[in-house]
Protein backbone atom coordinates (compact mmCIF):
# COMPACT_ATOMS: atom_id res chain seq x y z
CA MET A 1 -40.56 9.97 -5.86
CA ARG A 2 -39.60 9.13 -9.47
CA LYS A 3 -36.87 6.68 -8.20
CA LEU A 4 -39.30 5.04 -5.78
CA LEU A 5 -41.85 4.43 -8.58
CA PHE A 6 -39.29 3.25 -11.01
CA SER A 7 -37.85 0.72 -8.32
CA LEU A 8 -41.57 -0.46 -7.56
CA VAL A 9 -42.03 -1.20 -11.28
CA ILE A 10 -38.65 -3.11 -11.55
CA ILE A 11 -39.67 -5.19 -8.35
CA CYS A 12 -43.04 -6.02 -9.63
CA ASN A 13 -41.59 -6.97 -12.97
CA ALA A 14 -39.02 -9.24 -11.25
CA LEU A 15 -41.62 -10.95 -9.17
CA LEU A 16 -44.21 -11.58 -11.82
CA VAL A 17 -42.17 -12.14 -15.00
CA GLN A 18 -38.56 -12.71 -14.28
CA ALA A 19 -37.33 -16.13 -13.14
CA GLN A 20 -33.88 -14.66 -12.44
CA TRP A 21 -32.00 -11.80 -10.43
CA PRO A 22 -29.88 -9.38 -12.54
CA GLU A 23 -26.45 -10.64 -13.18
CA PHE A 24 -24.29 -8.09 -11.09
CA ASN A 25 -21.15 -10.00 -11.17
CA ARG A 26 -18.44 -10.02 -13.78
CA ALA A 27 -14.56 -10.35 -14.05
CA HIS A 28 -13.67 -7.73 -16.62
CA PRO A 29 -10.21 -7.58 -18.30
CA VAL A 30 -8.64 -4.21 -18.64
CA SER A 31 -9.08 -3.49 -22.24
CA CYS A 32 -7.60 0.01 -22.81
CA GLN A 33 -5.21 -0.29 -25.77
CA TRP A 34 -3.40 2.64 -27.62
CA PRO A 35 -0.48 2.43 -30.02
CA PRO A 36 2.47 2.16 -29.58
CA TYR A 37 1.86 0.06 -26.61
CA ASN A 38 1.33 -3.70 -26.78
CA TYR A 39 -1.06 -4.10 -23.92
CA THR A 40 -1.62 -7.24 -21.80
CA ALA A 41 -4.67 -7.36 -19.74
CA HIS A 42 -2.76 -7.24 -16.52
CA GLY A 43 -4.36 -5.16 -13.68
CA ALA A 44 -6.56 -4.64 -10.70
CA PHE A 45 -9.63 -2.79 -9.60
CA GLN A 46 -8.33 -0.86 -6.46
CA ASN A 47 -11.37 1.33 -5.53
CA VAL A 48 -15.01 1.23 -6.27
CA PHE A 49 -17.68 3.80 -5.86
CA ILE A 50 -21.62 3.75 -6.10
CA VAL A 51 -22.98 6.14 -8.64
CA ASP A 52 -26.58 7.06 -7.80
CA THR A 53 -27.93 9.79 -10.10
CA ASN A 54 -31.24 11.41 -10.87
CA PRO A 55 -32.58 10.42 -13.35
CA ASP A 56 -31.30 6.84 -13.09
CA TRP A 57 -29.70 6.49 -16.37
CA PHE A 58 -26.01 6.66 -15.08
CA ASN A 59 -26.49 4.55 -12.04
CA GLY A 60 -23.89 1.85 -11.39
CA TYR A 61 -20.49 1.39 -10.07
CA LEU A 62 -17.35 3.37 -11.00
CA ALA A 63 -14.21 1.21 -10.33
CA PHE A 64 -10.66 2.57 -10.42
CA GLY A 65 -7.44 0.59 -10.90
CA LYS A 66 -4.16 0.39 -12.79
CA GLY A 67 -2.62 -1.96 -15.19
CA VAL A 68 0.87 -2.63 -16.95
CA LEU A 69 1.80 -1.52 -20.47
CA CYS A 70 4.74 -2.89 -22.19
CA ASN A 71 6.33 -0.24 -24.42
CA PRO A 72 8.38 -1.92 -27.15
CA LEU A 73 10.16 1.33 -27.96
CA THR A 74 11.77 1.39 -24.45
CA ASN A 75 11.56 -2.24 -23.33
CA SER A 76 10.12 -1.13 -20.00
CA ASN A 77 6.88 -1.72 -18.20
CA ILE A 78 4.83 1.40 -17.43
CA TRP A 79 1.91 1.48 -14.91
CA ARG A 80 -1.18 3.35 -16.22
CA VAL A 81 -4.22 4.07 -14.07
CA PHE A 82 -7.79 3.84 -15.56
CA SER A 83 -11.42 3.84 -14.44
CA SER A 84 -14.26 1.37 -15.61
CA LYS A 85 -17.87 2.32 -15.39
CA VAL A 86 -20.14 -0.80 -14.55
CA SER A 87 -23.90 -0.75 -14.71
CA THR A 88 -26.07 -2.05 -11.83
CA ASN A 89 -26.60 -5.46 -13.67
CA GLY A 90 -22.86 -5.93 -14.11
CA GLU A 91 -22.27 -4.82 -17.79
CA LEU A 92 -18.98 -2.98 -18.57
CA LEU A 93 -20.17 0.33 -20.11
CA PHE A 94 -16.90 2.36 -20.79
CA GLU A 95 -13.47 3.01 -19.55
CA ALA A 96 -11.01 5.83 -19.33
CA ARG A 97 -7.14 6.26 -19.04
CA TYR A 98 -5.59 9.11 -17.21
CA ASP A 99 -2.26 9.23 -18.77
CA THR A 100 -0.35 11.03 -21.69
CA VAL A 101 0.45 8.07 -24.04
CA ASP A 102 3.64 9.71 -25.43
CA ILE A 103 5.29 10.19 -22.10
CA ASP A 104 7.05 7.25 -20.55
CA ARG A 105 5.97 7.83 -16.95
CA SER A 106 4.49 5.21 -14.58
CA GLN A 107 1.23 6.33 -12.69
CA SER A 108 -0.47 5.02 -9.65
CA TRP A 109 -3.15 6.01 -7.18
CA SER A 110 -0.16 6.72 -4.65
CA ASN A 111 -0.13 3.35 -3.14
CA VAL A 112 2.65 2.78 -0.51
CA TYR A 113 2.45 -0.85 0.70
CA GLY A 114 2.59 -3.01 -2.52
CA TYR A 115 1.92 -2.56 -6.31
CA TRP A 116 -1.83 -3.41 -5.96
CA TRP A 117 -2.39 -1.55 -2.59
CA PRO A 118 -5.52 0.62 -3.01
CA GLY A 119 -4.77 4.34 -3.43
CA PRO A 120 -6.35 7.05 -1.44
CA MET A 121 -9.96 7.65 -2.89
CA ILE A 122 -13.01 9.26 -1.39
CA MET A 123 -16.35 10.42 -2.71
CA ASN A 124 -16.73 13.91 -1.25
CA GLU A 125 -19.81 15.91 -0.25
CA GLU A 126 -20.34 17.11 -3.92
CA ARG A 127 -20.51 13.42 -5.08
CA ASP A 128 -17.12 13.73 -6.94
CA ILE A 129 -14.34 11.31 -6.56
CA VAL A 130 -11.17 12.84 -4.86
CA THR A 131 -7.91 11.07 -5.16
CA THR A 132 -4.08 11.41 -5.29
CA LEU A 133 -2.04 10.35 -8.21
CA THR A 134 1.64 9.92 -8.36
CA SER A 135 3.50 10.16 -11.74
CA ARG A 136 7.03 8.70 -11.82
CA ASP A 137 10.00 8.48 -14.14
CA ASN A 138 11.04 4.84 -13.82
CA SER A 139 14.59 5.73 -14.89
CA VAL A 140 15.13 8.23 -12.17
CA GLY A 141 12.99 6.76 -9.28
CA TYR A 142 10.87 8.33 -6.52
CA GLU A 143 13.20 11.61 -6.52
CA ALA A 144 11.23 12.70 -9.65
CA ASP A 145 7.77 11.93 -8.41
CA ILE A 146 5.01 14.38 -9.07
CA ASN A 147 2.07 14.02 -6.70
CA TYR A 148 -1.41 15.40 -7.74
CA LEU A 149 -4.66 16.05 -5.99
CA ILE A 150 -7.34 15.21 -8.44
CA THR A 151 -11.10 15.47 -8.80
CA ILE A 152 -13.03 13.23 -11.01
CA GLY A 153 -16.78 13.25 -12.00
CA PHE A 154 -19.24 10.32 -11.96
CA LEU A 155 -18.52 9.72 -15.67
CA GLY A 156 -14.78 9.39 -14.96
CA GLU A 157 -13.93 12.68 -16.23
CA ILE A 158 -11.11 14.82 -14.60
CA LYS A 159 -12.55 17.99 -13.19
CA SER A 160 -9.41 19.50 -11.47
CA ARG A 161 -5.79 18.73 -10.98
CA TYR A 162 -3.36 20.36 -8.44
CA ILE A 163 0.37 19.48 -7.56
CA ILE A 164 0.95 18.54 -3.85
CA ASP A 165 4.33 19.87 -2.68
CA SER A 166 6.60 20.10 -5.63
CA LEU A 167 9.94 20.15 -3.78
CA ALA A 168 12.14 17.34 -5.01
CA SER A 169 13.84 16.90 -1.68
CA ARG A 170 10.64 15.44 -0.18
CA TYR A 171 9.17 12.17 -0.90
CA TYR A 172 5.53 11.11 -0.17
CA GLY A 173 3.68 7.96 -0.49
CA PHE A 174 -0.13 8.43 0.17
CA SER A 175 -2.29 5.56 1.66
CA SER A 176 -5.75 7.04 2.58
CA LEU A 177 -7.79 10.25 2.26
CA SER A 178 -10.58 11.69 4.21
CA GLU A 179 -12.71 14.83 3.98
CA GLU A 180 -12.96 17.51 6.62
CA ILE A 181 -16.38 18.91 5.83
CA GLU A 182 -16.49 21.81 8.37
CA ASP A 183 -13.46 23.63 6.68
CA SER A 184 -13.67 21.88 3.32
CA THR A 185 -10.24 20.42 3.64
CA TYR A 186 -8.69 16.87 3.25
CA VAL A 187 -6.58 14.71 5.48
CA LEU A 188 -3.92 12.46 4.10
CA THR A 189 -2.03 9.52 5.57
CA GLY A 190 1.16 7.57 4.26
CA TYR A 191 4.86 7.81 4.34
CA TYR A 192 7.13 10.86 4.33
CA MET A 193 10.83 11.03 4.00
CA GLY A 194 12.44 14.63 3.97
CA PRO A 195 14.76 17.19 5.53
CA GLU A 196 12.16 18.17 8.23
CA ASN A 197 11.52 14.37 9.32
CA PRO A 198 13.53 13.38 12.49
CA ASP A 199 13.49 9.75 11.23
CA PRO A 200 16.16 10.09 8.42
CA GLU A 201 14.79 7.02 6.73
CA GLY A 202 11.19 8.29 6.66
CA SER A 203 8.16 7.55 8.85
CA GLY A 204 4.36 7.71 8.81
CA MET A 205 2.60 10.94 8.59
CA LEU A 206 -0.61 12.83 8.85
CA MET A 207 -1.13 15.67 6.57
CA LYS A 208 -4.04 18.20 6.31
CA ILE A 209 -4.28 20.07 2.73
CA ASN A 210 -6.82 22.50 1.30
CA ARG A 211 -8.74 21.85 -2.01
CA THR A 212 -5.97 23.06 -4.22
CA GLY A 213 -3.47 20.71 -2.69
CA GLY A 214 -1.67 23.27 -0.49
CA ILE A 215 -0.30 21.78 2.81
CA ILE A 216 -1.84 23.41 5.92
CA TRP A 217 0.02 21.14 8.40
CA GLN A 218 1.87 17.86 8.68
CA SER A 219 2.60 15.75 11.59
CA ASN A 220 5.18 12.83 11.40
CA ILE A 221 4.44 9.61 13.35
CA VAL A 222 7.88 8.76 14.69
CA ASN A 223 9.17 5.24 15.00
CA SER A 224 6.66 3.87 12.50
CA GLU A 225 7.02 2.43 9.02
CA GLY A 226 4.08 4.24 7.62
CA THR A 227 0.48 4.97 8.29
CA PHE A 228 -2.48 3.02 6.72
CA SER A 229 -5.43 5.16 7.50
CA SER A 230 -6.92 7.80 9.91
CA LYS A 231 -10.39 8.60 11.25
CA ARG A 232 -11.57 11.70 13.11
CA SER A 233 -12.29 11.05 16.75
CA MET A 234 -15.07 12.40 18.63
CA ASP A 235 -13.01 14.82 20.62
CA GLY A 236 -11.81 16.49 17.42
CA GLY A 237 -8.50 14.60 17.09
CA TYR A 238 -7.42 11.54 15.03
CA TRP A 239 -7.18 7.75 15.36
CA ILE A 240 -4.45 6.50 13.04
CA ILE A 241 -3.71 2.97 12.01
CA ALA A 242 0.03 2.70 11.36
CA GLN A 243 2.83 0.06 11.07
CA THR A 244 5.54 -0.36 13.66
CA LEU A 245 9.34 -0.30 12.75
CA VAL A 246 10.82 -3.74 11.99
CA LEU A 247 10.87 -5.87 15.07
CA ASN A 248 12.86 -8.95 13.93
CA GLU A 249 12.63 -11.63 11.16
CA CYS A 250 9.92 -14.20 10.56
CA THR A 251 10.58 -17.77 11.50
CA ASN A 252 11.95 -18.70 8.09
CA SER A 253 14.08 -15.57 8.03
CA ASP A 254 12.74 -14.63 4.52
CA PHE A 255 10.47 -11.83 5.74
CA LEU A 256 10.49 -9.00 8.21
CA ASN A 257 8.16 -8.81 11.12
CA THR A 258 6.11 -5.61 11.87
CA ASP A 259 3.02 -5.02 13.98
CA ILE A 260 -0.07 -2.77 13.95
CA LEU A 261 0.31 0.57 15.63
CA LEU A 262 -2.71 2.30 16.80
CA VAL A 263 -2.09 6.14 17.66
CA LYS A 264 -4.31 8.82 18.88
CA THR A 265 -3.49 12.41 18.31
CA ASP A 266 -4.90 15.80 18.94
CA SER A 267 -6.57 18.00 16.31
CA LEU A 268 -3.14 19.20 14.82
CA GLY A 269 -1.71 15.61 14.69
CA ALA A 270 0.33 15.81 18.02
CA GLU A 271 0.62 12.27 19.34
CA GLU A 272 -1.24 11.55 22.63
CA GLY A 273 -0.81 7.78 22.87
CA ARG A 274 -0.21 4.53 21.24
CA PHE A 275 -0.92 1.01 21.39
CA THR A 276 0.69 -1.97 19.62
CA ILE A 277 -0.78 -5.40 18.41
CA GLY A 278 0.34 -8.06 16.06
CA GLY A 279 1.90 -11.45 15.62
CA ALA A 280 5.13 -13.09 14.47
CA CYS A 281 5.16 -12.29 10.77
CA SER A 282 3.36 -11.15 7.47
CA PHE A 283 1.78 -7.93 6.32
CA GLU A 284 -0.69 -6.98 9.02
CA ASN A 285 -3.45 -4.40 8.83
CA ALA A 286 -6.52 -3.20 10.86
CA SER A 287 -9.25 -0.71 10.92
CA LEU A 288 -11.34 0.71 13.75
CA ILE A 289 -14.85 2.16 14.64
CA GLU A 290 -15.18 4.60 17.48
CA ILE A 291 -18.12 3.37 19.44
CA GLU A 292 -17.93 6.21 22.11
CA GLN A 293 -15.71 8.90 22.88
CA ASP A 294 -12.16 7.55 23.71
CA ARG A 295 -13.10 4.02 23.04
CA VAL A 296 -12.90 2.08 19.75
CA VAL A 297 -13.29 -1.32 18.39
CA LEU A 298 -10.09 -2.45 16.55
CA ILE A 299 -10.43 -5.21 13.99
CA GLY A 300 -7.64 -6.73 11.80
CA ARG A 301 -5.52 -9.67 10.85
CA SER A 302 -2.66 -11.03 12.87
CA THR A 303 -0.19 -13.98 12.53
CA GLU A 304 0.96 -16.42 14.98
CA GLU A 305 4.43 -18.11 15.48
CA SER A 306 4.59 -21.14 13.26
CA THR A 307 7.26 -23.94 13.10
CA ASP A 308 6.14 -24.91 9.70
CA GLU A 309 8.21 -22.97 7.30
CA SER A 310 5.95 -23.74 4.39
CA PHE A 311 3.42 -21.59 6.03
CA PRO A 312 4.96 -18.78 8.09
CA PHE A 313 1.97 -16.44 7.51
CA LYS A 314 -0.94 -18.49 9.13
CA GLY A 315 -3.00 -16.44 11.53
CA TYR A 316 -6.43 -15.20 12.21
CA LEU A 317 -8.74 -12.13 12.13
CA TYR A 318 -9.23 -10.63 15.47
CA SER A 319 -11.16 -7.89 17.42
CA THR A 320 -10.51 -6.07 20.58
CA LEU A 321 -11.60 -3.00 22.55
CA VAL A 322 -9.08 -0.05 23.04
CA GLU A 323 -9.64 2.92 25.30
CA GLN A 324 -7.75 6.23 25.90
CA ASN A 325 -7.45 6.86 29.69
CA GLU A 326 -7.27 10.21 31.39
CA SER A 327 -3.54 10.30 31.04
CA GLY A 328 -3.83 9.83 27.24
CA GLU A 329 -2.54 6.22 27.25
CA LEU A 330 -4.12 3.74 24.99
CA ILE A 331 -5.11 0.48 26.67
CA GLU A 332 -6.81 -2.79 25.79
CA THR A 333 -9.92 -3.15 27.69
CA SER A 334 -11.05 -6.72 26.67
CA GLU A 335 -9.32 -9.92 25.59
CA ALA A 336 -9.00 -10.14 21.78
CA LYS A 337 -11.49 -12.43 19.95
CA LYS A 338 -10.16 -14.53 17.26
CA TYR A 339 -11.87 -15.87 13.91
CA LEU A 340 -11.14 -17.77 10.73
CA TYR A 341 -7.64 -19.28 11.21
CA THR A 342 -6.11 -19.48 7.74
CA LYS A 343 -2.76 -20.32 6.15
CA ASP A 344 -2.34 -16.54 4.95
CA GLY A 345 -4.53 -13.74 4.11
CA HIS A 346 -5.14 -9.97 4.29
CA PHE A 347 -7.46 -7.71 6.24
CA VAL A 348 -9.12 -5.57 3.57
CA ASP A 349 -12.04 -3.36 5.05
CA LEU A 350 -14.44 -2.86 7.86
CA HIS A 351 -18.06 -1.66 7.92
CA LYS A 352 -20.83 -1.41 10.56
CA SER A 353 -24.45 -1.93 9.42
CA SER A 354 -27.43 -0.24 10.65
CA GLY A 355 -28.29 -3.24 12.89
CA GLY A 356 -24.96 -3.03 14.62
CA ARG A 357 -23.30 -5.92 12.82
CA TYR A 358 -19.54 -5.59 11.97
CA LEU A 359 -18.84 -6.75 8.35
CA VAL A 360 -15.24 -7.61 7.78
CA VAL A 361 -13.98 -7.92 4.24
CA CYS A 362 -10.81 -9.96 3.85
CA ASP A 363 -9.07 -12.55 1.53
CA ASN A 364 -7.60 -15.84 2.89
CA GLN A 365 -5.66 -18.87 1.79
CA LEU A 366 -8.19 -21.45 3.02
CA THR A 367 -7.89 -24.98 4.25
CA PRO A 368 -10.14 -27.78 2.60
CA SER A 369 -12.64 -27.45 5.75
CA GLN A 370 -13.11 -23.69 4.93
CA GLY A 371 -13.99 -24.27 1.21
CA SER A 372 -14.59 -26.70 -1.69
CA GLY A 373 -11.85 -27.68 -3.90
CA PRO A 374 -8.09 -28.40 -3.53
CA GLN A 375 -6.06 -27.34 -0.51
CA GLY A 376 -4.34 -23.93 -0.68
CA ARG A 377 -7.06 -21.90 -2.59
CA TRP A 378 -7.03 -18.05 -1.87
CA LEU A 379 -10.46 -16.54 -1.82
CA GLY A 380 -11.96 -13.22 -0.99
CA GLY A 381 -14.53 -13.21 1.70
CA ILE A 382 -16.87 -11.46 4.18
CA LEU A 383 -17.04 -12.26 7.95
CA ALA A 384 -20.22 -10.90 9.81
CA LEU A 385 -19.79 -10.32 13.57
CA SER A 386 -22.56 -9.59 15.91
CA PRO A 387 -22.75 -6.18 18.01
CA GLU A 388 -20.97 -8.19 20.64
CA ARG A 389 -18.23 -9.14 18.16
CA ASP A 390 -19.23 -12.95 17.99
CA SER A 391 -19.09 -14.71 14.68
CA LEU A 392 -22.32 -14.93 12.72
CA TRP A 393 -21.30 -16.12 9.25
CA PHE A 394 -18.61 -16.18 6.75
CA ARG A 395 -18.80 -16.35 2.86
CA SER A 396 -15.93 -16.78 0.62
CA TYR A 397 -16.07 -15.82 -3.12
CA SER A 398 -14.42 -17.43 -6.17
CA TYR A 399 -14.83 -17.00 -10.03
CA PHE A 400 -16.19 -19.92 -12.00
CA ASN A 401 -13.28 -20.81 -13.98
CA ASN A 402 -10.68 -20.67 -11.33
CA PHE A 403 -9.57 -24.43 -11.21
CA PRO A 404 -6.58 -25.77 -13.16
CA ILE A 405 -7.11 -28.62 -15.78
CA GLU A 406 -4.25 -30.89 -14.61
CA VAL A 407 -4.17 -32.36 -11.22
CA GLY A 408 -1.38 -30.86 -8.80
CA MET A 409 -1.49 -27.53 -10.36
CA ARG A 410 -2.47 -24.56 -8.22
CA PRO A 411 -5.91 -22.84 -8.75
CA ALA A 412 -6.35 -19.02 -9.13
CA TYR A 413 -6.07 -16.76 -6.31
CA HIS A 414 -8.81 -14.27 -5.63
CA TYR A 415 -7.90 -10.92 -3.98
CA LEU A 416 -10.24 -8.13 -2.66
CA LEU A 417 -8.99 -4.52 -2.33
CA ASP A 418 -12.05 -2.28 -1.65
CA SER A 419 -15.76 -2.58 -0.78
CA LYS A 420 -18.68 -0.21 -0.41
CA PRO A 421 -21.94 -0.63 1.37
CA THR A 422 -24.97 -0.21 -0.97
CA SER A 423 -28.39 1.15 -0.33
CA ASP A 424 -30.13 -2.21 0.00
CA ARG A 425 -27.74 -3.20 2.98
CA GLY A 426 -25.48 -5.16 0.73
CA MET A 427 -22.07 -4.60 -0.60
CA VAL A 428 -20.17 -4.01 -3.93
CA LEU A 429 -16.65 -5.53 -3.91
CA CYS A 430 -13.58 -5.40 -6.29
CA GLY A 431 -10.08 -6.67 -6.49
CA TYR A 432 -8.21 -8.96 -8.81
CA ILE A 433 -7.79 -12.59 -9.73
CA ARG A 434 -4.33 -14.07 -10.28
CA GLN A 435 -4.01 -16.99 -12.47
CA HIS A 436 -1.65 -19.77 -11.36
CA SER A 437 -0.17 -23.01 -12.64
CA GLY A 438 -2.49 -24.60 -15.15
CA GLU A 439 -4.00 -21.46 -16.25
CA PRO A 440 -3.63 -20.06 -19.82
CA ASN A 441 -1.51 -17.14 -18.47
CA ASP A 442 0.37 -18.07 -15.36
CA GLY A 443 0.77 -14.94 -13.21
CA LEU A 444 -1.74 -12.91 -15.15
CA ASP A 445 -3.89 -10.46 -12.89
CA THR A 446 -7.40 -9.75 -14.12
CA PRO A 447 -9.71 -7.14 -12.31
CA TRP A 448 -13.02 -8.29 -10.85
CA ILE A 449 -16.05 -6.75 -9.42
CA PHE A 450 -19.40 -8.26 -7.80
CA LYS A 451 -22.28 -7.40 -5.76
CA VAL A 452 -23.77 -9.16 -2.74
CA ASP A 453 -26.93 -8.75 -0.64
CA SER A 454 -27.14 -8.27 3.29
CA MET A 455 -26.42 -11.85 3.77
CA GLY A 456 -23.31 -12.02 1.54
CA CYS A 457 -25.50 -13.86 -1.28
CA LEU A 458 -25.07 -13.07 -4.89
CA GLU A 459 -28.83 -13.89 -5.27
CA PRO A 460 -31.15 -14.13 -2.38
CA GLY A 461 -31.31 -17.30 -0.17
CA CYS A 462 -27.89 -18.67 -0.09
CA GLN A 463 -27.91 -18.55 3.74
CA TYR A 464 -30.69 -21.14 3.72
CA VAL A 465 -28.69 -23.94 1.96
CA ASN A 466 -25.73 -24.05 4.30
CA VAL A 467 -22.86 -23.05 2.03
CA GLU A 468 -19.86 -20.83 2.60
CA GLU A 469 -18.23 -20.51 -0.66
CA ILE A 470 -20.11 -18.61 -3.47
CA VAL A 471 -19.11 -18.95 -7.15
CA VAL A 472 -19.26 -15.66 -9.13
CA GLY A 473 -19.87 -15.71 -12.75
CA LEU A 474 -22.56 -18.58 -13.26
CA GLU A 475 -25.64 -16.41 -12.40
CA ASN A 476 -28.39 -16.81 -14.95
CA THR A 477 -27.10 -20.17 -16.00
CA ILE A 478 -30.53 -21.98 -15.22
CA THR A 479 -33.61 -21.48 -17.22
CA VAL A 480 -36.80 -23.00 -15.61
CA PHE A 481 -39.67 -24.16 -17.87
CA PRO A 482 -42.57 -24.34 -17.53
CA ASN A 483 -42.78 -21.71 -14.88
CA PRO A 484 -45.48 -21.68 -13.27
CA ALA A 485 -45.37 -25.46 -13.11
CA THR A 486 -47.46 -28.33 -11.59
CA ASP A 487 -45.85 -31.72 -11.41
CA VAL A 488 -42.55 -31.47 -13.26
CA VAL A 489 -40.28 -28.61 -13.91
CA ASN A 490 -37.29 -28.68 -16.48
CA LEU A 491 -33.99 -26.94 -15.73
CA SER A 492 -31.93 -26.01 -18.81
CA PHE A 493 -28.27 -25.19 -18.02
CA THR A 494 -26.28 -23.06 -20.44
CA PHE A 495 -22.68 -22.89 -19.33
CA PRO A 496 -20.39 -19.96 -20.11
CA GLU A 497 -17.16 -20.64 -22.07
CA ASN A 498 -14.45 -22.47 -20.23
CA TYR A 499 -16.71 -24.02 -17.64
CA ILE A 500 -16.79 -27.72 -17.12
CA PRO A 501 -19.17 -29.02 -14.38
CA ASN A 502 -18.00 -31.73 -12.03
CA ASN A 503 -19.93 -34.75 -11.06
CA LYS A 504 -21.09 -33.59 -7.71
CA ASN A 505 -24.16 -31.43 -8.40
CA GLU A 506 -27.46 -31.19 -6.43
CA ILE A 507 -30.63 -29.07 -6.64
CA VAL A 508 -32.06 -27.66 -3.41
CA ILE A 509 -35.47 -26.02 -3.23
CA ILE A 510 -36.35 -23.53 -0.41
CA ASP A 511 -39.82 -22.16 0.41
CA MET A 512 -40.37 -18.50 1.19
CA GLN A 513 -40.00 -19.31 4.94
CA GLY A 514 -36.43 -20.48 4.41
CA ARG A 515 -37.11 -24.15 4.79
CA GLU A 516 -35.57 -26.83 2.69
CA VAL A 517 -38.48 -28.83 0.93
CA LEU A 518 -36.55 -30.84 -1.89
CA ARG A 519 -33.11 -32.01 -2.46
CA GLU A 520 -31.94 -33.98 -5.38
CA ASN A 521 -28.69 -35.09 -6.82
CA ILE A 522 -28.12 -34.48 -10.57
CA PHE A 523 -25.66 -35.20 -13.22
CA LEU A 524 -24.42 -32.59 -15.77
CA PHE A 525 -22.54 -33.39 -18.87
CA ALA A 526 -19.52 -31.33 -19.98
CA THR A 527 -21.24 -29.77 -22.76
CA SER A 528 -22.56 -26.23 -23.34
CA SER A 529 -26.05 -26.97 -22.44
CA ASN A 530 -27.92 -29.70 -20.20
CA THR A 531 -31.67 -30.28 -19.51
CA ILE A 532 -32.66 -31.94 -16.11
CA GLU A 533 -36.26 -32.90 -15.05
CA ILE A 534 -37.20 -32.40 -11.39
CA ASN A 535 -40.36 -33.84 -9.84
CA ILE A 536 -42.24 -31.15 -7.78
CA SER A 537 -45.60 -32.95 -7.34
CA ALA A 538 -45.20 -33.21 -3.57
CA LEU A 539 -44.70 -29.27 -3.30
CA SER A 540 -47.67 -27.09 -2.27
CA SER A 541 -48.75 -24.21 -4.38
CA GLY A 542 -46.60 -21.05 -3.97
CA MET A 543 -43.25 -19.50 -4.82
CA TYR A 544 -39.84 -21.23 -4.08
CA THR A 545 -36.25 -20.58 -4.73
CA LEU A 546 -34.21 -23.34 -6.58
CA HIS A 547 -30.46 -23.39 -5.80
CA TRP A 548 -27.93 -25.16 -7.72
CA LEU A 549 -25.00 -26.60 -5.41
CA SER A 550 -21.71 -28.27 -6.28
CA ASN A 551 -19.11 -29.53 -3.76
CA SER A 552 -20.83 -27.44 -1.03
CA ALA A 553 -20.41 -24.33 -3.22
CA TRP A 554 -23.33 -22.22 -4.33
CA LEU A 555 -23.39 -21.57 -8.14
CA ASP A 556 -26.79 -20.26 -9.25
CA SER A 557 -30.45 -20.00 -8.25
CA SER A 558 -33.78 -19.31 -9.81
CA LYS A 559 -37.40 -18.56 -8.90
CA VAL A 560 -39.99 -21.41 -9.23
CA ILE A 561 -43.89 -20.86 -9.09
CA VAL A 562 -45.75 -24.22 -8.24
CA GLU A 563 -49.50 -24.14 -9.01
């Protein structure tokens, strides 16, 4: 009841007083710096969790990631893991590091498939974060890895730490973690190489452990490169997303080709059936939702054969239905549906909303027709599908200072790594932004985090102004006065540092029914502030939403009351 009353007060205050929504969205550099390390803000947010407490003082988002430290004493780069607490309005509150600064060991959240791949993390039934952490001596290699099972509280503090299998002859790389509530255990997926594995070069695996890291059982997924994730099936077994062994080379012979492998097991991890789907190249991934016993929706990204060696990874998001028949075989029961052809990209996450929609989180190298700006931009995005798996909408996201100054240089790339549904049917997302040619630090990676509503908008109403790209970081740029207004309203623009507006800007005003009632081109000067006058004398009394658009991209909005 206290939370409800508090929320009602905030809502009423926003409607009656505020002309803006809270600024949820920031790109935060990693700023943990301890001697003797000379630290560059190079890192990524890999996992994010929603912190909901009573009382509300600690509410917000807890993001986990890792960054690179340069140690001048050893001339080596060391990975360090950290957490960042972000408030519900996007403010960075505090950060924590989980390493011992005088020990030269790299740490990661046990990622397997790339140095920014998200490590296995969940929020358990006790509302603690549970994860695995790998500590590595770079001078020795994986033979000296130490794997820990760690529990972390909502303030980022470590509550427990246990070693998972200390035998040096075994090598594990963990990719996902899930909780078995009925017996208080955890299930891990990833990669395993050791004496008991029939594949001498290692394979994917499924492992069940207790709360102190003790291994209860382990099943190796033979003829696989590794496993990405697992989900408990309705019959008590497991659905596993894995990767096939290398099939061949890509068209340009620079990369190896693997496919997605869907495996169904019994309750102890013994394989019952498998199904393969994939394209010609690239790193492919997928996820699934079991819609009824023995029947799943599989959604991921695939590639198609390309004769253009400049873009060997072009492909699409897809969805299909797979069933397990009475003999245990996995068979595709519908033709795959394809969406969003792009030059390159990654499948990131899959959610199903209460209304039956599928929300696919991804990042993509877009064509000019799929987003504003120069060709080849790489943006994070959300694709919404109907319960019948038909495309509803797609929104892509970029940070405001992502364009290079000089013509012909590449803009920043925007990657997403994790997402979590919020109580308002929205989503909080995190990842990293990589600067490219023309940026101050070419190749530097910076963590970012932002929040969207149920329609993929940073602020309500972007679905009414026919835009697909949403620009993060310019919220609360516009100040409206007077408000309420009668015949004329003034818009004052205060730009953040490093933002230069282009010469294609317009204001669109939408009524409460989502109808466009005014559209006007405006010109903004490349200064820290601008003031524009808009004639609203033709508008009826009521509340409206004013949106600022540029090159078909959404930048900011504000409430306007007309008397």
